[in-house]
Amino acid sequence: KVHAATEDGSAGTKGNVMDAIAAEGLEADVIFACGPMPMLR
């Protein structure tokens, strides 16, 4: 299932990937991630 976040709010959740997780109440045991350094932090 794809959950998109956009900086300008033109699709999916407005904001970043962490905002999308919070908005959709998602949970995980294991995370694999690749992206800009602020996101990885």
Full PDB file with SEQRES, HELIX, SHEET, SSBOND, CRYST1, ORIGX, SCALE, CONECT and MASTER records, all heavy atoms in Angstrom:
SEQRES   1 A   41  LYS VAL HIS ALA ALA THR GLU ASP GLY SER ALA GLY THR          
SEQRES   2 A   41  LYS GLY ASN VAL MET ASP ALA ILE ALA ALA GLU GLY LEU          
SEQRES   3 A   41  GLU ALA ASP VAL ILE PHE ALA CYS GLY PRO MET PRO MET          
SEQRES   4 A   41  LEU ARG                                                      
HELIX    1 AA1 VAL A   17  GLU A   24  1                                   8    
HELIX    2 AA2 MET A   37  LEU A   40  1                                   4    
SHEET    1 AA1 2 ALA A   5  THR A   6  0                                        
SHEET    2 AA1 2 THR A  13  LYS A  14  1                                        
CRYST1    1.000    1.000    1.000  90.00  90.00  90.00 P 1           1          
ORIGX1      1.000000  0.000000  0.000000        0.00000                         
ORIGX2      0.000000  1.000000  0.000000        0.00000                         
ORIGX3      0.000000  0.000000  1.000000        0.00000                         
SCALE1      1.000000  0.000000  0.000000        0.00000                         
SCALE2      0.000000  1.000000  0.000000        0.00000                         
SCALE3      0.000000  0.000000  1.000000        0.00000                         
ATOM      1  N   LYS A   1       0.852  -1.188   0.000  1.00  0.00           N  
ATOM      2  CA  LYS A   1       0.000   0.000   0.000  1.00  0.00           C  
ATOM      3  C   LYS A   1       0.884   1.233   0.000  1.00  0.00           C  
ATOM      4  O   LYS A   1       1.763   1.392   0.856  1.00  0.00           O  
ATOM      5  CB  LYS A   1      -0.914  -0.004   1.222  1.00  0.00           C  
ATOM      6  CG  LYS A   1      -1.864   1.168   1.195  1.00  0.00           C  
ATOM      7  CD  LYS A   1      -3.070   0.976   2.086  1.00  0.00           C  
ATOM      8  CE  LYS A   1      -4.039   2.038   1.700  1.00  0.00           C  
ATOM      9  NZ  LYS A   1      -4.782   2.794   2.408  1.00  0.00           N  
ATOM     10  N   VAL A   2       0.680   2.123  -0.977  1.00  0.00           N  
ATOM     11  CA  VAL A   2       1.491   3.333  -1.098  1.00  0.00           C  
ATOM     12  C   VAL A   2       0.807   4.497  -0.387  1.00  0.00           C  
ATOM     13  O   VAL A   2      -0.389   4.752  -0.581  1.00  0.00           O  
ATOM     14  CB  VAL A   2       1.724   3.698  -2.589  1.00  0.00           C  
ATOM     15  CG1 VAL A   2       2.415   5.054  -2.709  1.00  0.00           C  
ATOM     16  CG2 VAL A   2       2.554   2.613  -3.273  1.00  0.00           C  
ATOM     17  N   HIS A   3       1.580   5.183   0.455  1.00  0.00           N  
ATOM     18  CA  HIS A   3       1.108   6.380   1.158  1.00  0.00           C  
ATOM     19  C   HIS A   3       2.025   7.524   0.737  1.00  0.00           C  
ATOM     20  O   HIS A   3       3.220   7.516   1.067  1.00  0.00           O  
ATOM     21  CB  HIS A   3       1.190   6.183   2.675  1.00  0.00           C  
ATOM     22  CG  HIS A   3       0.586   4.893   3.152  1.00  0.00           C  
ATOM     23  ND1 HIS A   3      -0.717   4.782   3.558  1.00  0.00           N  
ATOM     24  CD2 HIS A   3       1.127   3.644   3.267  1.00  0.00           C  
ATOM     25  CE1 HIS A   3      -0.958   3.526   3.918  1.00  0.00           C  
ATOM     26  NE2 HIS A   3       0.152   2.823   3.753  1.00  0.00           N  
ATOM     27  N   ALA A   4       1.495   8.481   0.017  1.00  0.00           N  
ATOM     28  CA  ALA A   4       2.315   9.581  -0.499  1.00  0.00           C  
ATOM     29  C   ALA A   4       2.181  10.825   0.372  1.00  0.00           C  
ATOM     30  O   ALA A   4       1.115  11.114   0.918  1.00  0.00           O  
ATOM     31  CB  ALA A   4       1.921   9.908  -1.932  1.00  0.00           C  
ATOM     32  N   ALA A   5       3.290  11.534   0.488  1.00  0.00           N  
ATOM     33  CA  ALA A   5       3.297  12.857   1.120  1.00  0.00           C  
ATOM     34  C   ALA A   5       3.914  13.832   0.117  1.00  0.00           C  
ATOM     35  O   ALA A   5       4.851  13.471  -0.599  1.00  0.00           O  
ATOM     36  CB  ALA A   5       4.128  12.834   2.402  1.00  0.00           C  
ATOM     37  N   THR A   6       3.374  15.031   0.045  1.00  0.00           N  
ATOM     38  CA  THR A   6       3.943  16.051  -0.846  1.00  0.00           C  
ATOM     39  C   THR A   6       4.182  17.336  -0.066  1.00  0.00           C  
ATOM     40  O   THR A   6       3.382  17.705   0.796  1.00  0.00           O  
ATOM     41  CB  THR A   6       3.009  16.350  -2.042  1.00  0.00           C  
ATOM     42  OG1 THR A   6       1.696  16.666  -1.566  1.00  0.00           O  
ATOM     43  CG2 THR A   6       2.913  15.152  -2.979  1.00  0.00           C  
ATOM     44  N   GLU A   7       5.301  17.973  -0.388  1.00  0.00           N  
ATOM     45  CA  GLU A   7       5.664  19.209   0.320  1.00  0.00           C  
ATOM     46  C   GLU A   7       4.604  20.290   0.138  1.00  0.00           C  
ATOM     47  O   GLU A   7       4.334  21.067   1.053  1.00  0.00           O  
ATOM     48  CB  GLU A   7       7.019  19.712  -0.187  1.00  0.00           C  
ATOM     49  CG  GLU A   7       8.192  18.840   0.230  1.00  0.00           C  
ATOM     50  CD  GLU A   7       9.508  19.314  -0.361  1.00  0.00           C  
ATOM     51  OE1 GLU A   7       9.571  20.465  -0.844  1.00  0.00           O  
ATOM     52  OE2 GLU A   7      10.476  18.526  -0.359  1.00  0.00           O  
ATOM     53  N   ASP A   8       4.015  20.342  -1.072  1.00  0.00           N  
ATOM     54  CA  ASP A   8       3.046  21.409  -1.347  1.00  0.00           C  
ATOM     55  C   ASP A   8       1.590  20.977  -1.122  1.00  0.00           C  
ATOM     56  O   ASP A   8       0.658  21.755  -1.345  1.00  0.00           O  
ATOM     57  CB  ASP A   8       3.219  21.949  -2.773  1.00  0.00           C  
ATOM     58  CG  ASP A   8       2.921  20.914  -3.852  1.00  0.00           C  
ATOM     59  OD1 ASP A   8       2.556  19.773  -3.503  1.00  0.00           O  
ATOM     60  OD2 ASP A   8       3.059  21.252  -5.042  1.00  0.00           O  
ATOM     61  N   GLY A   9       1.382  19.736  -0.697  1.00  0.00           N  
ATOM     62  CA  GLY A   9       0.028  19.266  -0.415  1.00  0.00           C  
ATOM     63  C   GLY A   9      -0.813  18.978  -1.645  1.00  0.00           C  
ATOM     64  O   GLY A   9      -2.028  18.774  -1.534  1.00  0.00           O  
ATOM     65  N   SER A  10      -0.183  18.897  -2.815  1.00  0.00           N  
ATOM     66  CA  SER A  10      -0.943  18.684  -4.059  1.00  0.00           C  
ATOM     67  C   SER A  10      -1.390  17.242  -4.252  1.00  0.00           C  
ATOM     68  O   SER A  10      -2.212  16.943  -5.107  1.00  0.00           O  
ATOM     69  CB  SER A  10      -0.125  19.145  -5.271  1.00  0.00           C  
ATOM     70  OG  SER A  10       1.137  18.500  -5.310  1.00  0.00           O  
ATOM     71  N   ALA A  11      -0.863  16.318  -3.447  1.00  0.00           N  
ATOM     72  CA  ALA A  11      -1.303  14.920  -3.468  1.00  0.00           C  
ATOM     73  C   ALA A  11      -0.968  14.293  -2.121  1.00  0.00           C  
ATOM     74  O   ALA A  11       0.020  14.668  -1.478  1.00  0.00           O  
ATOM     75  CB  ALA A  11      -0.608  14.152  -4.588  1.00  0.00           C  
ATOM     76  N   GLY A  12      -1.786  13.349  -1.694  1.00  0.00           N  
ATOM     77  CA  GLY A  12      -1.527  12.656  -0.438  1.00  0.00           C  
ATOM     78  C   GLY A  12      -1.528  13.589   0.766  1.00  0.00           C  
ATOM     79  O   GLY A  12      -2.221  14.614   0.789  1.00  0.00           O  
ATOM     80  N   THR A  13      -0.743  13.245   1.763  1.00  0.00           N  
ATOM     81  CA  THR A  13      -0.624  14.048   2.986  1.00  0.00           C  
ATOM     82  C   THR A  13       0.276  15.258   2.726  1.00  0.00           C  
ATOM     83  O   THR A  13       1.337  15.120   2.120  1.00  0.00           O  
ATOM     84  CB  THR A  13      -0.008  13.203   4.121  1.00  0.00           C  
ATOM     85  OG1 THR A  13      -0.826  12.057   4.348  1.00  0.00           O  
ATOM     86  CG2 THR A  13       0.122  14.006   5.408  1.00  0.00           C  
ATOM     87  N   LYS A  14      -0.123  16.418   3.183  1.00  0.00           N  
ATOM     88  CA  LYS A  14       0.750  17.597   3.060  1.00  0.00           C  
ATOM     89  C   LYS A  14       1.849  17.500   4.107  1.00  0.00           C  
ATOM     90  O   LYS A  14       1.587  17.284   5.285  1.00  0.00           O  
ATOM     91  CB  LYS A  14      -0.041  18.894   3.265  1.00  0.00           C  
ATOM     92  CG  LYS A  14       0.833  20.156   3.152  1.00  0.00           C  
ATOM     93  CD  LYS A  14       0.000  21.414   3.227  1.00  0.00           C  
ATOM     94  CE  LYS A  14       0.829  22.680   3.317  1.00  0.00           C  
ATOM     95  NZ  LYS A  14       1.836  22.859   2.303  1.00  0.00           N  
ATOM     96  N   GLY A  15       3.097  17.579   3.649  1.00  0.00           N  
ATOM     97  CA  GLY A  15       4.227  17.476   4.567  1.00  0.00           C  
ATOM     98  C   GLY A  15       5.224  16.436   4.094  1.00  0.00           C  
ATOM     99  O   GLY A  15       5.458  16.292   2.896  1.00  0.00           O  
ATOM    100  N   ASN A  16       5.788  15.701   5.062  1.00  0.00           N  
ATOM    101  CA  ASN A  16       6.811  14.715   4.717  1.00  0.00           C  
ATOM    102  C   ASN A  16       6.360  13.298   5.084  1.00  0.00           C  
ATOM    103  O   ASN A  16       5.217  13.096   5.513  1.00  0.00           O  
ATOM    104  CB  ASN A  16       8.140  15.065   5.398  1.00  0.00           C  
ATOM    105  CG  ASN A  16       7.996  15.139   6.914  1.00  0.00           C  
ATOM    106  OD1 ASN A  16       7.247  14.377   7.532  1.00  0.00           O  
ATOM    107  ND2 ASN A  16       8.723  16.062   7.538  1.00  0.00           N  
ATOM    108  N   VAL A  17       7.254  12.344   4.920  1.00  0.00           N  
ATOM    109  CA  VAL A  17       6.887  10.940   5.177  1.00  0.00           C  
ATOM    110  C   VAL A  17       6.474  10.695   6.625  1.00  0.00           C  
ATOM    111  O   VAL A  17       5.584   9.893   6.892  1.00  0.00           O  
ATOM    112  CB  VAL A  17       8.033   9.978   4.779  1.00  0.00           C  
ATOM    113  CG1 VAL A  17       8.156   9.884   3.269  1.00  0.00           C  
ATOM    114  CG2 VAL A  17       9.360  10.389   5.413  1.00  0.00           C  
ATOM    115  N   MET A  18       7.086  11.400   7.553  1.00  0.00           N  
ATOM    116  CA  MET A  18       6.717  11.223   8.961  1.00  0.00           C  
ATOM    117  C   MET A  18       5.305  11.748   9.204  1.00  0.00           C  
ATOM    118  O   MET A  18       4.551  11.187  10.002  1.00  0.00           O  
ATOM    119  CB  MET A  18       7.719  11.941   9.881  1.00  0.00           C  
ATOM    120  CG  MET A  18       9.180  11.557   9.678  1.00  0.00           C  
ATOM    121  SD  MET A  18       9.503   9.776   9.617  1.00  0.00           S  
ATOM    122  CE  MET A  18       8.980   9.265  11.245  1.00  0.00           C  
ATOM    123  N   ASP A  19       4.924  12.823   8.510  1.00  0.00           N  
ATOM    124  CA  ASP A  19       3.553  13.351   8.617  1.00  0.00           C  
ATOM    125  C   ASP A  19       2.550  12.326   8.085  1.00  0.00           C  
ATOM    126  O   ASP A  19       1.452  12.179   8.635  1.00  0.00           O  
ATOM    127  CB  ASP A  19       3.427  14.661   7.834  1.00  0.00           C  
ATOM    128  CG  ASP A  19       4.291  15.775   8.411  1.00  0.00           C  
ATOM    129  OD1 ASP A  19       4.349  15.889   9.644  1.00  0.00           O  
ATOM    130  OD2 ASP A  19       4.908  16.522   7.626  1.00  0.00           O  
ATOM    131  N   ALA A  20       2.921  11.631   7.013  1.00  0.00           N  
ATOM    132  CA  ALA A  20       2.025  10.618   6.433  1.00  0.00           C  
ATOM    133  C   ALA A  20       1.812   9.457   7.401  1.00  0.00           C  
ATOM    134  O   ALA A  20       0.695   8.942   7.540  1.00  0.00           O  
ATOM    135  CB  ALA A  20       2.590  10.112   5.109  1.00  0.00           C  
ATOM    136  N   ILE A  21       2.875   9.034   8.079  1.00  0.00           N  
ATOM    137  CA  ILE A  21       2.764   7.952   9.068  1.00  0.00           C  
ATOM    138  C   ILE A  21       1.811   8.356  10.189  1.00  0.00           C  
ATOM    139  O   ILE A  21       0.930   7.578  10.585  1.00  0.00           O  
ATOM    140  CB  ILE A  21       4.156   7.609   9.646  1.00  0.00           C  
ATOM    141  CG1 ILE A  21       5.004   6.890   8.592  1.00  0.00           C  
ATOM    142  CG2 ILE A  21       4.032   6.744  10.902  1.00  0.00           C  
ATOM    143  CD1 ILE A  21       6.458   6.705   8.993  1.00  0.00           C  
ATOM    144  N   ALA A  22       1.972   9.585  10.679  1.00  0.00           N  
ATOM    145  CA  ALA A  22       1.120  10.076  11.773  1.00  0.00           C  
ATOM    146  C   ALA A  22      -0.328  10.229  11.313  1.00  0.00           C  
ATOM    147  O   ALA A  22      -1.260   9.812  12.014  1.00  0.00           O  
ATOM    148  CB  ALA A  22       1.661  11.405  12.293  1.00  0.00           C  
ATOM    149  N   ALA A  23      -0.526  10.800  10.129  1.00  0.00           N  
ATOM    150  CA  ALA A  23      -1.877  11.059   9.625  1.00  0.00           C  
ATOM    151  C   ALA A  23      -2.655   9.776   9.401  1.00  0.00           C  
ATOM    152  O   ALA A  23      -3.877   9.735   9.594  1.00  0.00           O  
ATOM    153  CB  ALA A  23      -1.799  11.853   8.319  1.00  0.00           C  
ATOM    154  N   GLU A  24      -1.964   8.704   9.007  1.00  0.00           N  
ATOM    155  CA  GLU A  24      -2.648   7.462   8.679  1.00  0.00           C  
ATOM    156  C   GLU A  24      -2.540   6.397   9.770  1.00  0.00           C  
ATOM    157  O   GLU A  24      -3.011   5.272   9.612  1.00  0.00           O  
ATOM    158  CB  GLU A  24      -2.135   6.928   7.342  1.00  0.00           C  
ATOM    159  CG  GLU A  24      -2.327   7.951   6.211  1.00  0.00           C  
ATOM    160  CD  GLU A  24      -2.201   7.338   4.838  1.00  0.00           C  
ATOM    161  OE1 GLU A  24      -2.676   6.197   4.649  1.00  0.00           O  
ATOM    162  OE2 GLU A  24      -1.631   7.998   3.965  1.00  0.00           O  
ATOM    163  N   GLY A  25      -1.895   6.769  10.879  1.00  0.00           N  
ATOM    164  CA  GLY A  25      -1.805   5.853  12.015  1.00  0.00           C  
ATOM    165  C   GLY A  25      -1.095   4.547  11.696  1.00  0.00           C  
ATOM    166  O   GLY A  25      -1.503   3.476  12.151  1.00  0.00           O  
ATOM    167  N   LEU A  26      -0.006   4.634  10.951  1.00  0.00           N  
ATOM    168  CA  LEU A  26       0.717   3.434  10.516  1.00  0.00           C  
ATOM    169  C   LEU A  26       1.713   2.976  11.583  1.00  0.00           C  
ATOM    170  O   LEU A  26       2.249   3.791  12.338  1.00  0.00           O  
ATOM    171  CB  LEU A  26       1.464   3.721   9.206  1.00  0.00           C  
ATOM    172  CG  LEU A  26       0.609   4.250   8.043  1.00  0.00           C  
ATOM    173  CD1 LEU A  26       1.491   4.609   6.860  1.00  0.00           C  
ATOM    174  CD2 LEU A  26      -0.442   3.230   7.642  1.00  0.00           C  
ATOM    175  N   GLU A  27       1.969   1.661  11.603  1.00  0.00           N  
ATOM    176  CA  GLU A  27       2.931   1.099  12.553  1.00  0.00           C  
ATOM    177  C   GLU A  27       3.766   0.030  11.866  1.00  0.00           C  
ATOM    178  O   GLU A  27       3.298  -0.636  10.934  1.00  0.00           O  
ATOM    179  CB  GLU A  27       2.207   0.481  13.758  1.00  0.00           C  
ATOM    180  CG  GLU A  27       1.483   1.496  14.625  1.00  0.00           C  
ATOM    181  CD  GLU A  27       0.854   0.851  15.856  1.00  0.00           C  
ATOM    182  OE1 GLU A  27       0.603  -0.378  15.837  1.00  0.00           O  
ATOM    183  OE2 GLU A  27       0.630   1.578  16.829  1.00  0.00           O  
ATOM    184  N   ALA A  28       5.004  -0.140  12.336  1.00  0.00           N  
ATOM    185  CA  ALA A  28       5.890  -1.136  11.733  1.00  0.00           C  
ATOM    186  C   ALA A  28       6.842  -1.722  12.773  1.00  0.00           C  
ATOM    187  O   ALA A  28       7.126  -1.096  13.798  1.00  0.00           O  
ATOM    188  CB  ALA A  28       6.695  -0.516  10.595  1.00  0.00           C  
ATOM    189  N   ASP A  29       7.318  -2.933  12.461  1.00  0.00           N  
ATOM    190  CA  ASP A  29       8.354  -3.571  13.277  1.00  0.00           C  
ATOM    191  C   ASP A  29       9.737  -3.286  12.712  1.00  0.00           C  
ATOM    192  O   ASP A  29      10.726  -3.204  13.439  1.00  0.00           O  
ATOM    193  CB  ASP A  29       8.155  -5.092  13.298  1.00  0.00           C  
ATOM    194  CG  ASP A  29       6.757  -5.493  13.709  1.00  0.00           C  
ATOM    195  OD1 ASP A  29       6.340  -5.090  14.807  1.00  0.00           O  
ATOM    196  OD2 ASP A  29       6.073  -6.196  12.924  1.00  0.00           O  
ATOM    197  N   VAL A  30       9.802  -3.175  11.370  1.00  0.00           N  
ATOM    198  CA  VAL A  30      11.070  -2.989  10.664  1.00  0.00           C  
ATOM    199  C   VAL A  30      10.903  -1.879   9.634  1.00  0.00           C  
ATOM    200  O   VAL A  30       9.877  -1.819   8.946  1.00  0.00           O  
ATOM    201  CB  VAL A  30      11.507  -4.291   9.950  1.00  0.00           C  
ATOM    202  CG1 VAL A  30      12.820  -4.073   9.196  1.00  0.00           C  
ATOM    203  CG2 VAL A  30      11.658  -5.434  10.935  1.00  0.00           C  
ATOM    204  N   ILE A  31      11.914  -1.015   9.548  1.00  0.00           N  
ATOM    205  CA  ILE A  31      11.876   0.103   8.597  1.00  0.00           C  
ATOM    206  C   ILE A  31      13.100   0.041   7.693  1.00  0.00           C  
ATOM    207  O   ILE A  31      14.230  -0.118   8.169  1.00  0.00           O  
ATOM    208  CB  ILE A  31      11.875   1.461   9.338  1.00  0.00           C  
ATOM    209  CG1 ILE A  31      10.662   1.573  10.268  1.00  0.00           C  
ATOM    210  CG2 ILE A  31      11.886   2.620   8.346  1.00  0.00           C  
ATOM    211  CD1 ILE A  31      10.723   2.755  11.221  1.00  0.00           C  
ATOM    212  N   PHE A  32      12.872   0.161   6.392  1.00  0.00           N  
ATOM    213  CA  PHE A  32      13.944   0.323   5.410  1.00  0.00           C  
ATOM    214  C   PHE A  32      13.744   1.696   4.786  1.00  0.00           C  
ATOM    215  O   PHE A  32      12.645   1.989   4.289  1.00  0.00           O  
ATOM    216  CB  PHE A  32      13.873  -0.754   4.321  1.00  0.00           C  
ATOM    217  CG  PHE A  32      14.034  -2.163   4.820  1.00  0.00           C  
ATOM    218  CD1 PHE A  32      13.098  -3.134   4.520  1.00  0.00           C  
ATOM    219  CD2 PHE A  32      15.126  -2.531   5.579  1.00  0.00           C  
ATOM    220  CE1 PHE A  32      13.243  -4.448   4.959  1.00  0.00           C  
ATOM    221  CE2 PHE A  32      15.288  -3.839   6.029  1.00  0.00           C  
ATOM    222  CZ  PHE A  32      14.344  -4.795   5.726  1.00  0.00           C  
ATOM    223  N   ALA A  33      14.778   2.519   4.770  1.00  0.00           N  
ATOM    224  CA  ALA A  33      14.593   3.893   4.308  1.00  0.00           C  
ATOM    225  C   ALA A  33      15.766   4.408   3.487  1.00  0.00           C  
ATOM    226  O   ALA A  33      16.917   4.026   3.710  1.00  0.00           O  
ATOM    227  CB  ALA A  33      14.369   4.825   5.510  1.00  0.00           C  
ATOM    228  N   CYS A  34      15.450   5.272   2.533  1.00  0.00           N  
ATOM    229  CA  CYS A  34      16.464   5.963   1.737  1.00  0.00           C  
ATOM    230  C   CYS A  34      15.914   7.332   1.380  1.00  0.00           C  
ATOM    231  O   CYS A  34      14.758   7.454   0.953  1.00  0.00           O  
ATOM    232  CB  CYS A  34      16.772   5.165   0.465  1.00  0.00           C  
ATOM    233  SG  CYS A  34      18.072   5.905  -0.553  1.00  0.00           S  
ATOM    234  N   GLY A  35      16.715   8.365   1.569  1.00  0.00           N  
ATOM    235  CA  GLY A  35      16.250   9.715   1.274  1.00  0.00           C  
ATOM    236  C   GLY A  35      17.218  10.746   1.809  1.00  0.00           C  
ATOM    237  O   GLY A  35      18.330  10.417   2.230  1.00  0.00           O  
ATOM    238  N   PRO A  36      16.786  12.008   1.813  1.00  0.00           N  
ATOM    239  CA  PRO A  36      17.670  13.076   2.306  1.00  0.00           C  
ATOM    240  C   PRO A  36      17.971  12.932   3.801  1.00  0.00           C  
ATOM    241  O   PRO A  36      17.205  12.304   4.542  1.00  0.00           O  
ATOM    242  CB  PRO A  36      16.883  14.358   2.007  1.00  0.00           C  
ATOM    243  CG  PRO A  36      15.478  13.923   1.819  1.00  0.00           C  
ATOM    244  CD  PRO A  36      15.504  12.516   1.321  1.00  0.00           C  
ATOM    245  N   MET A  37      19.074  13.498   4.219  1.00  0.00           N  
ATOM    246  CA  MET A  37      19.539  13.305   5.594  1.00  0.00           C  
ATOM    247  C   MET A  37      18.528  13.715   6.666  1.00  0.00           C  
ATOM    248  O   MET A  37      18.365  12.991   7.662  1.00  0.00           O  
ATOM    249  CB  MET A  37      20.874  14.044   5.788  1.00  0.00           C  
ATOM    250  CG  MET A  37      21.657  13.563   6.978  1.00  0.00           C  
ATOM    251  SD  MET A  37      21.996  11.764   6.978  1.00  0.00           S  
ATOM    252  CE  MET A  37      23.165  11.640   5.654  1.00  0.00           C  
ATOM    253  N   PRO A  38      17.803  14.847   6.526  1.00  0.00           N  
ATOM    254  CA  PRO A  38      16.811  15.168   7.564  1.00  0.00           C  
ATOM    255  C   PRO A  38      15.759  14.067   7.728  1.00  0.00           C  
ATOM    256  O   PRO A  38      15.322  13.770   8.841  1.00  0.00           O  
ATOM    257  CB  PRO A  38      16.181  16.471   7.052  1.00  0.00           C  
ATOM    258  CG  PRO A  38      17.222  17.083   6.176  1.00  0.00           C  
ATOM    259  CD  PRO A  38      17.908  15.928   5.520  1.00  0.00           C  
ATOM    260  N   MET A  39      15.368  13.452   6.630  1.00  0.00           N  
ATOM    261  CA  MET A  39      14.404  12.356   6.693  1.00  0.00           C  
ATOM    262  C   MET A  39      14.996  11.156   7.439  1.00  0.00           C  
ATOM    263  O   MET A  39      14.340  10.552   8.294  1.00  0.00           O  
ATOM    264  CB  MET A  39      13.992  11.937   5.281  1.00  0.00           C  
ATOM    265  CG  MET A  39      13.125  10.689   5.238  1.00  0.00           C  
ATOM    266  SD  MET A  39      12.891  10.067   3.559  1.00  0.00           S  
ATOM    267  CE  MET A  39      13.001   8.301   3.866  1.00  0.00           C  
ATOM    268  N   LEU A  40      16.252  10.809   7.130  1.00  0.00           N  
ATOM    269  CA  LEU A  40      16.871   9.649   7.775  1.00  0.00           C  
ATOM    270  C   LEU A  40      17.074   9.886   9.269  1.00  0.00           C  
ATOM    271  O   LEU A  40      16.937   8.962  10.070  1.00  0.00           O  
ATOM    272  CB  LEU A  40      18.192   9.313   7.085  1.00  0.00           C  
ATOM    273  CG  LEU A  40      18.079   8.909   5.612  1.00  0.00           C  
ATOM    274  CD1 LEU A  40      19.459   8.569   5.053  1.00  0.00           C  
ATOM    275  CD2 LEU A  40      17.117   7.740   5.417  1.00  0.00           C  
ATOM    276  N   ARG A  41      17.370  11.118   9.650  1.00  0.00           N  
ATOM    277  CA  ARG A  41      17.487  11.444  11.088  1.00  0.00           C  
ATOM    278  C   ARG A  41      16.140  11.239  11.779  1.00  0.00           C  
ATOM    279  O   ARG A  41      16.066  10.717  12.894  1.00  0.00           O  
ATOM    280  CB  ARG A  41      17.960  12.888  11.270  1.00  0.00           C  
ATOM    281  CG  ARG A  41      19.413  13.103  10.885  1.00  0.00           C  
ATOM    282  CD  ARG A  41      19.917  14.471  11.348  1.00  0.00           C  
ATOM    283  NE  ARG A  41      21.229  14.726  10.801  1.00  0.00           N  
ATOM    284  CZ  ARG A  41      21.484  15.563   9.783  1.00  0.00           C  
ATOM    285  NH1 ARG A  41      20.500  16.244   9.222  1.00  0.00           N  
ATOM    286  NH2 ARG A  41      22.711  15.725   9.336  1.00  0.00           N  
TER     287      ARG A  41                                                      
MASTER        0    0    0    2    2    0    0    6  286    1    0    4          
END                                                                             
